[in-house]
Amino acid sequence: MLYRFKSKNMGDVIMLEPNGRQMLEIIGKSPGARGIILPQQMTGAIQAIEAAIRLEESHKEKDGDGLPEGVGLHQRAKPFIDMLRWNLTAGQEVVWGV
């Protein structure tokens, strides 16, 4: 399954199911087949994702041996954060599964 996040004023952000589910869980949304993120929820969502990124990076620093372990949360989350910021400014919701 794929998560396709859509808005009226920018291209879609598509994520594999585990990554989309993770983003939704981080921002406190139910990772169902459809949903909506309202503009008034976006600041909190962005802050929650950024906090999760910081937490992941701090764990990697403690446990890390300096070798990359694949794609990190900050790389997977960047397009989604950009979408949220853009739509927060535009006052538009982000939906998925519609």
C-alpha atoms as a PDB file:
ATOM      1  CA  MET A   1       0.000   0.000   0.000  1.00  0.00           C
ATOM      2  CA  LEU A   2       1.080   3.562  -0.632  1.00  0.00           C
ATOM      3  CA  TYR A   3       0.154   6.751   1.141  1.00  0.00           C
ATOM      4  CA  ARG A   4      -0.487   9.595  -1.294  1.00  0.00           C
ATOM      5  CA  PHE A   5      -0.651  12.953   0.475  1.00  0.00           C
ATOM      6  CA  LYS A   6      -2.404  15.595  -1.621  1.00  0.00           C
ATOM      7  CA  SER A   7      -3.144  19.283  -1.516  1.00  0.00           C
ATOM      8  CA  LYS A   8      -4.688  21.778  -3.900  1.00  0.00           C
ATOM      9  CA  ASN A   9      -1.574  23.832  -4.459  1.00  0.00           C
ATOM     10  CA  MET A  10       1.366  21.449  -4.824  1.00  0.00           C
ATOM     11  CA  GLY A  11       2.330  18.028  -6.120  1.00  0.00           C
ATOM     12  CA  ASP A  12       1.598  14.830  -4.237  1.00  0.00           C
ATOM     13  CA  VAL A  13       3.942  13.315  -1.682  1.00  0.00           C
ATOM     14  CA  ILE A  14       3.931   9.536  -1.981  1.00  0.00           C
ATOM     15  CA  MET A  15       5.287   7.215   0.712  1.00  0.00           C
ATOM     16  CA  LEU A  16       5.422   3.475   1.163  1.00  0.00           C
ATOM     17  CA  GLU A  17       2.948   2.252   3.756  1.00  0.00           C
ATOM     18  CA  PRO A  18       5.413   1.853   6.677  1.00  0.00           C
ATOM     19  CA  ASN A  19       6.835   5.350   6.158  1.00  0.00           C
ATOM     20  CA  GLY A  20       3.438   7.011   5.707  1.00  0.00           C
ATOM     21  CA  ARG A  21       2.105   5.212   8.759  1.00  0.00           C
ATOM     22  CA  GLN A  22       5.115   6.389  10.768  1.00  0.00           C
ATOM     23  CA  MET A  23       4.552  10.032   9.746  1.00  0.00           C
ATOM     24  CA  LEU A  24       0.887   9.854  10.687  1.00  0.00           C
ATOM     25  CA  GLU A  25       1.623   8.227  14.034  1.00  0.00           C
ATOM     26  CA  ILE A  26       4.248  10.867  14.814  1.00  0.00           C
ATOM     27  CA  ILE A  27       1.750  13.674  14.195  1.00  0.00           C
ATOM     28  CA  GLY A  28      -0.988  11.937  16.174  1.00  0.00           C
ATOM     29  CA  LYS A  29      -3.196  10.942  13.248  1.00  0.00           C
ATOM     30  CA  SER A  30      -4.795   7.559  12.794  1.00  0.00           C
ATOM     31  CA  PRO A  31      -2.963   5.837   9.930  1.00  0.00           C
ATOM     32  CA  GLY A  32      -6.139   4.826   8.163  1.00  0.00           C
ATOM     33  CA  ALA A  33      -6.980   4.662   4.497  1.00  0.00           C
ATOM     34  CA  ARG A  34      -8.085   8.312   4.447  1.00  0.00           C
ATOM     35  CA  GLY A  35      -7.726  11.428   6.479  1.00  0.00           C
ATOM     36  CA  ILE A  36      -7.052  15.131   6.625  1.00  0.00           C
ATOM     37  CA  ILE A  37      -4.534  17.473   8.219  1.00  0.00           C
ATOM     38  CA  LEU A  38      -6.016  20.923   8.747  1.00  0.00           C
ATOM     39  CA  PRO A  39      -3.892  24.078   8.557  1.00  0.00           C
ATOM     40  CA  GLN A  40      -4.330  24.717  12.287  1.00  0.00           C
ATOM     41  CA  GLN A  41      -2.829  21.255  12.969  1.00  0.00           C
ATOM     42  CA  MET A  42       0.235  21.728  10.763  1.00  0.00           C
ATOM     43  CA  THR A  43       2.476  23.699  13.120  1.00  0.00           C
ATOM     44  CA  GLY A  44       2.121  21.007  15.772  1.00  0.00           C
ATOM     45  CA  ALA A  45       2.635  18.283  13.167  1.00  0.00           C
ATOM     46  CA  ILE A  46       5.854  19.899  11.921  1.00  0.00           C
ATOM     47  CA  GLN A  47       7.124  20.285  15.484  1.00  0.00           C
ATOM     48  CA  ALA A  48       6.327  16.645  16.279  1.00  0.00           C
ATOM     49  CA  ILE A  49       8.182  15.377  13.198  1.00  0.00           C
ATOM     50  CA  GLU A  50      11.184  17.607  13.923  1.00  0.00           C
ATOM     51  CA  ALA A  51      11.267  16.316  17.516  1.00  0.00           C
ATOM     52  CA  ALA A  52      11.163  12.713  16.254  1.00  0.00           C
ATOM     53  CA  ILE A  53      14.045  13.485  13.877  1.00  0.00           C
ATOM     54  CA  ARG A  54      16.107  14.947  16.727  1.00  0.00           C
ATOM     55  CA  LEU A  55      15.359  11.893  18.856  1.00  0.00           C
ATOM     56  CA  GLU A  56      16.407   9.504  16.084  1.00  0.00           C
ATOM     57  CA  GLU A  57      19.613  11.466  15.491  1.00  0.00           C
ATOM     58  CA  SER A  58      20.484  11.470  19.187  1.00  0.00           C
ATOM     59  CA  HIS A  59      20.027   7.680  19.316  1.00  0.00           C
ATOM     60  CA  LYS A  60      22.263   7.258  16.279  1.00  0.00           C
ATOM     61  CA  GLU A  61      24.945   9.413  17.906  1.00  0.00           C
ATOM     62  CA  LYS A  62      24.858   7.274  21.055  1.00  0.00           C
ATOM     63  CA  ASP A  63      24.731   3.927  19.259  1.00  0.00           C
ATOM     64  CA  GLY A  64      26.444   4.840  16.024  1.00  0.00           C
ATOM     65  CA  ASP A  65      29.718   3.659  14.699  1.00  0.00           C
ATOM     66  CA  GLY A  66      29.853   6.361  12.043  1.00  0.00           C
ATOM     67  CA  LEU A  67      28.453   4.120   9.310  1.00  0.00           C
ATOM     68  CA  PRO A  68      25.213   5.099   7.570  1.00  0.00           C
ATOM     69  CA  GLU A  69      22.295   2.749   8.151  1.00  0.00           C
ATOM     70  CA  GLY A  70      20.178   3.690   5.164  1.00  0.00           C
ATOM     71  CA  VAL A  71      17.631   6.408   4.772  1.00  0.00           C
ATOM     72  CA  GLY A  72      16.939   8.254   7.993  1.00  0.00           C
ATOM     73  CA  LEU A  73      13.726   9.818   9.188  1.00  0.00           C
ATOM     74  CA  HIS A  74      14.980  13.299   8.295  1.00  0.00           C
ATOM     75  CA  GLN A  75      15.336  12.245   4.645  1.00  0.00           C
ATOM     76  CA  ARG A  76      11.956  10.522   4.458  1.00  0.00           C
ATOM     77  CA  ALA A  77      10.193  13.364   6.289  1.00  0.00           C
ATOM     78  CA  LYS A  78      11.607  16.330   4.346  1.00  0.00           C
ATOM     79  CA  PRO A  79       9.094  16.293   1.449  1.00  0.00           C
ATOM     80  CA  PHE A  80       6.232  15.860   3.924  1.00  0.00           C
ATOM     81  CA  ILE A  81       7.459  18.712   6.138  1.00  0.00           C
ATOM     82  CA  ASP A  82       7.848  20.903   3.050  1.00  0.00           C
ATOM     83  CA  MET A  83       4.268  20.060   2.044  1.00  0.00           C
ATOM     84  CA  LEU A  84       2.967  20.919   5.507  1.00  0.00           C
ATOM     85  CA  ARG A  85       4.846  24.224   5.598  1.00  0.00           C
ATOM     86  CA  TRP A  86       3.673  25.190   2.120  1.00  0.00           C
ATOM     87  CA  ASN A  87       0.056  24.398   2.928  1.00  0.00           C
ATOM     88  CA  LEU A  88       0.217  26.081   6.315  1.00  0.00           C
ATOM     89  CA  THR A  89       1.226  29.281   4.536  1.00  0.00           C
ATOM     90  CA  ALA A  90      -1.452  28.773   1.870  1.00  0.00           C
ATOM     91  CA  GLY A  91      -4.133  27.880   4.418  1.00  0.00           C
ATOM     92  CA  GLN A  92      -4.937  24.614   2.627  1.00  0.00           C
ATOM     93  CA  GLU A  93      -5.495  21.167   4.103  1.00  0.00           C
ATOM     94  CA  VAL A  94      -3.507  18.050   3.239  1.00  0.00           C
ATOM     95  CA  VAL A  95      -5.503  14.883   2.616  1.00  0.00           C
ATOM     96  CA  TRP A  96      -4.742  11.264   1.910  1.00  0.00           C
ATOM     97  CA  GLY A  97      -6.799   8.423   0.517  1.00  0.00           C
ATOM     98  CA  VAL A  98      -9.264  10.607  -1.354  1.00  0.00           C
END
